[in-house]
């Protein structure tokens, strides 16, 4: 069984291993049958003790959140849902968005697709260089105050962005690639997280 750890100083407790759900319905080949993936998710939660389930509105787009919403029926109290916003695809053109209206619309959409009242960990999937991160964070802070999300995270963010965002509202987790092949995060990102008592969520 996966052990439970405190991801950051803000109080978020998750399993030491999470389940990334992207490949179930997006990338890495064609989408897999929902029934098989729902069984896999529930097996991971009930038999392996995995509580952190990772998705994003960009996966599909949208179909991965819908799948996860079905899978957690009846086991919501056992899991922490991590979702993301910020990758906007329109007419096959991908852009990054962090403007407040977009942040709120994405959150509302994810809540509906996941069929939950609150998202446990909500990441800025990619940073919008046109919008100061402080503006994006102010809207996320408001969503926390409204009870629509519990904790805020950043994905693929620079140390400077992490510090600026954290000054507006606590950043509980930073998602990044870290492996024997990819070691760049060791130079500045991980030390920044350590100084801020932030967790990091690794993909390898």
Protein backbone atom coordinates (compact mmCIF):
# COMPACT_ATOMS: atom_id res chain seq x y z
CA UNK A 1 0.00 0.00 0.00
CA UNK A 2 1.22 3.49 -0.84
CA UNK A 3 2.26 5.55 2.17
CA UNK A 4 0.61 8.89 2.95
CA UNK A 5 2.72 12.04 3.01
CA UNK A 6 2.26 15.74 3.60
CA UNK A 7 2.78 17.31 0.18
CA UNK A 8 3.39 20.79 1.54
CA UNK A 9 3.21 22.86 4.68
CA UNK A 10 -0.35 23.97 3.89
CA UNK A 11 -1.75 20.59 4.96
CA UNK A 12 -2.41 18.59 1.78
CA UNK A 13 -1.91 14.86 2.49
CA UNK A 14 -1.58 12.50 -0.48
CA UNK A 15 -0.23 9.07 -1.30
CA UNK A 16 3.51 8.97 -2.00
CA UNK A 17 2.70 7.71 -5.50
CA UNK A 18 -0.01 9.28 -7.62
CA UNK A 19 -1.83 8.03 -10.68
CA UNK A 20 -1.46 10.17 -13.79
CA UNK A 21 -4.58 9.62 -15.88
CA UNK A 22 -3.63 11.46 -19.08
CA UNK A 23 -2.70 8.38 -21.11
CA UNK A 24 -6.06 6.76 -20.44
CA UNK A 25 -7.85 9.07 -22.86
CA UNK A 26 -5.24 11.32 -24.47
CA UNK A 27 -1.79 10.87 -26.05
CA UNK A 28 0.22 7.66 -26.02
CA UNK A 29 -2.08 5.97 -28.51
CA UNK A 30 -5.86 5.94 -28.93
CA UNK A 31 -8.19 6.43 -25.94
CA UNK A 32 -8.66 3.32 -23.84
CA UNK A 33 -12.14 1.88 -23.06
CA UNK A 34 -13.76 3.75 -20.19
CA UNK A 35 -14.82 0.55 -18.42
CA UNK A 36 -11.25 -0.74 -18.31
CA UNK A 37 -9.84 2.58 -17.13
CA UNK A 38 -12.49 2.98 -14.43
CA UNK A 39 -11.59 -0.49 -13.17
CA UNK A 40 -7.89 0.44 -13.19
CA UNK A 41 -8.47 3.67 -11.25
CA UNK A 42 -10.60 1.95 -8.62
CA UNK A 43 -8.07 -0.87 -8.28
CA UNK A 44 -5.30 1.70 -7.72
CA UNK A 45 -7.35 3.44 -5.04
CA UNK A 46 -8.92 0.46 -3.27
CA UNK A 47 -6.14 -2.12 -3.56
CA UNK A 48 -2.92 -0.09 -3.81
CA UNK A 49 -3.83 2.83 -1.57
CA UNK A 50 -3.17 5.49 -4.21
CA UNK A 51 -5.10 8.63 -3.35
CA UNK A 52 -3.69 11.31 -5.69
CA UNK A 53 -5.33 11.24 -9.13
CA UNK A 54 -3.97 13.65 -11.73
CA UNK A 55 -5.88 15.00 -14.73
CA UNK A 56 -6.34 18.24 -16.74
CA UNK A 57 -8.95 19.90 -18.91
CA UNK A 58 -6.49 19.73 -21.82
CA UNK A 59 -6.42 15.93 -21.76
CA UNK A 60 -8.86 14.96 -24.48
CA UNK A 61 -9.63 17.80 -24.24
CA UNK A 62 -12.13 17.34 -21.41
CA UNK A 63 -12.69 13.57 -21.80
CA UNK A 64 -10.13 12.65 -19.15
CA UNK A 65 -11.90 14.69 -16.48
CA UNK A 66 -15.22 13.10 -17.48
CA UNK A 67 -13.65 9.65 -17.14
CA UNK A 68 -12.24 10.45 -13.72
CA UNK A 69 -15.58 11.84 -12.60
CA UNK A 70 -17.18 8.47 -13.36
CA UNK A 71 -14.37 6.53 -11.71
CA UNK A 72 -14.53 8.29 -8.34
CA UNK A 73 -18.25 7.77 -7.83
CA UNK A 74 -18.59 6.21 -4.39
CA UNK A 75 -14.90 6.63 -3.48
CA UNK A 76 -14.59 10.43 -3.44
CA UNK A 77 -13.61 10.47 0.23
CA UNK A 78 -10.59 8.25 -0.54
CA UNK A 79 -9.00 10.45 -3.19
CA UNK A 80 -7.48 13.85 -3.82
CA UNK A 81 -8.16 15.18 -7.30
CA UNK A 82 -5.48 17.26 -9.02
CA UNK A 83 -6.54 19.03 -12.20
CA UNK A 84 -5.05 21.78 -14.32
CA UNK A 85 -6.00 24.70 -16.54
CA UNK A 86 -4.15 27.07 -18.83
CA UNK A 87 -3.63 25.20 -22.11
CA UNK A 88 -6.25 26.54 -24.51
CA UNK A 89 -6.80 24.85 -27.88
CA UNK A 90 -8.91 26.53 -30.55
CA UNK A 91 -8.87 25.79 -34.28
CA UNK A 92 -5.95 23.42 -33.64
CA UNK A 93 -3.93 26.33 -32.25
CA UNK A 94 -2.56 25.92 -28.73
CA UNK A 95 -2.08 28.96 -26.51
CA UNK A 96 -1.54 29.50 -22.79
CA UNK A 97 -4.09 31.54 -20.86
CA UNK A 98 -4.15 32.86 -17.32
CA UNK A 99 -6.59 35.77 -17.47
CA UNK A 100 -9.06 35.81 -14.57
CA UNK A 101 -12.24 35.17 -16.58
CA UNK A 102 -10.59 32.17 -18.24
CA UNK A 103 -9.33 30.82 -14.91
CA UNK A 104 -12.83 30.92 -13.43
CA UNK A 105 -14.50 29.43 -16.51
CA UNK A 106 -12.00 26.57 -16.55
CA UNK A 107 -12.53 25.83 -12.87
CA UNK A 108 -16.31 25.81 -13.24
CA UNK A 109 -16.01 23.49 -16.24
CA UNK A 110 -13.71 21.08 -14.42
CA UNK A 111 -16.01 20.96 -11.39
CA UNK A 112 -18.90 19.96 -13.66
CA UNK A 113 -16.96 17.33 -15.59
CA UNK A 114 -15.49 15.80 -12.45
CA UNK A 115 -18.90 16.08 -10.75
CA UNK A 116 -17.36 17.37 -7.52
CA UNK A 117 -17.94 20.42 -5.33
CA UNK A 118 -14.25 21.18 -4.86
CA UNK A 119 -10.96 20.36 -6.60
CA UNK A 120 -8.30 19.38 -4.09
CA UNK A 121 -5.27 20.66 -6.02
CA UNK A 122 -5.61 23.02 -8.99
CA UNK A 123 -2.55 23.66 -11.13
CA UNK A 124 -1.67 26.39 -13.56
CA UNK A 125 -0.78 23.95 -16.34
CA UNK A 126 1.39 26.38 -18.29
CA UNK A 127 2.29 30.00 -17.59
CA UNK A 128 0.69 32.74 -19.72
CA UNK A 129 3.52 35.17 -20.45
CA UNK A 130 1.02 37.90 -21.38
CA UNK A 131 -0.65 37.95 -17.97
CA UNK A 132 1.36 38.65 -14.80
CA UNK A 133 1.27 35.56 -12.61
CA UNK A 134 0.05 37.77 -9.76
CA UNK A 135 -3.20 38.42 -11.68
CA UNK A 136 -3.76 34.71 -12.27
CA UNK A 137 -3.04 33.96 -8.62
CA UNK A 138 -5.50 36.56 -7.36
CA UNK A 139 -8.32 34.74 -9.15
CA UNK A 140 -7.13 31.38 -7.82
CA UNK A 141 -7.03 32.86 -4.33
CA UNK A 142 -10.63 33.96 -4.77
CA UNK A 143 -11.62 30.44 -5.88
CA UNK A 144 -10.00 29.05 -2.73
CA UNK A 145 -11.97 31.52 -0.61
CA UNK A 146 -15.16 30.42 -2.37
CA UNK A 147 -14.43 26.77 -1.57
CA UNK A 148 -14.14 25.69 -5.20
CA UNK A 149 -10.50 24.63 -4.88
CA UNK A 150 -8.46 23.73 -1.79
CA UNK A 151 -4.84 24.11 -2.84
CA UNK A 152 -2.99 25.78 -5.72
CA UNK A 153 -0.09 24.43 -7.75
CA UNK A 154 2.10 25.39 -10.69
CA UNK A 155 3.32 23.19 -13.53
CA UNK A 156 6.58 23.78 -15.40
CA UNK A 157 7.21 27.16 -13.77
CA UNK A 158 10.48 29.01 -13.32
CA UNK A 159 11.89 29.77 -9.85
CA UNK A 160 11.02 33.46 -10.30
CA UNK A 161 7.41 32.64 -11.21
CA UNK A 162 7.13 30.29 -8.24
CA UNK A 163 8.33 33.01 -5.86
CA UNK A 164 6.03 35.67 -7.31
CA UNK A 165 3.00 33.38 -7.24
CA UNK A 166 3.73 32.23 -3.70
CA UNK A 167 3.82 35.85 -2.53
CA UNK A 168 0.15 36.23 -3.54
CA UNK A 169 -1.16 32.88 -2.27
CA UNK A 170 0.63 29.78 -0.97
CA UNK A 171 1.75 27.37 -3.68
CA UNK A 172 1.31 23.85 -2.34
CA UNK A 173 2.93 21.90 -5.18
CA UNK A 174 5.04 22.35 -8.28
CA UNK A 175 4.72 19.73 -11.01
CA UNK A 176 7.87 19.12 -12.99
CA UNK A 177 9.82 16.56 -14.95
CA UNK A 178 12.66 15.00 -12.96
CA UNK A 179 14.46 11.80 -13.83
CA UNK A 180 17.93 10.44 -14.50
CA UNK A 181 17.47 11.84 -18.01
CA UNK A 182 16.12 15.25 -17.00
CA UNK A 183 18.03 16.83 -14.11
CA UNK A 184 17.61 20.56 -14.73
CA UNK A 185 15.12 21.03 -11.88
CA UNK A 186 17.84 20.24 -9.35
CA UNK A 187 19.61 23.54 -10.02
CA UNK A 188 16.96 26.07 -8.98
CA UNK A 189 13.37 24.79 -9.01
CA UNK A 190 13.66 22.13 -6.32
CA UNK A 191 15.79 24.34 -4.02
CA UNK A 192 13.14 27.07 -4.43
CA UNK A 193 10.40 24.62 -3.43
CA UNK A 194 12.40 23.51 -0.41
CA UNK A 195 12.90 27.08 0.77
CA UNK A 196 9.16 27.74 0.45
CA UNK A 197 8.16 24.40 2.06
CA UNK A 198 6.40 23.43 -1.17
CA UNK A 199 5.87 19.92 -2.43
CA UNK A 200 6.89 18.82 -5.87
CA UNK A 201 4.93 16.39 -7.99
CA UNK A 202 7.24 14.52 -10.31
CA UNK A 203 6.60 13.08 -13.74
CA UNK A 204 9.30 10.91 -15.21
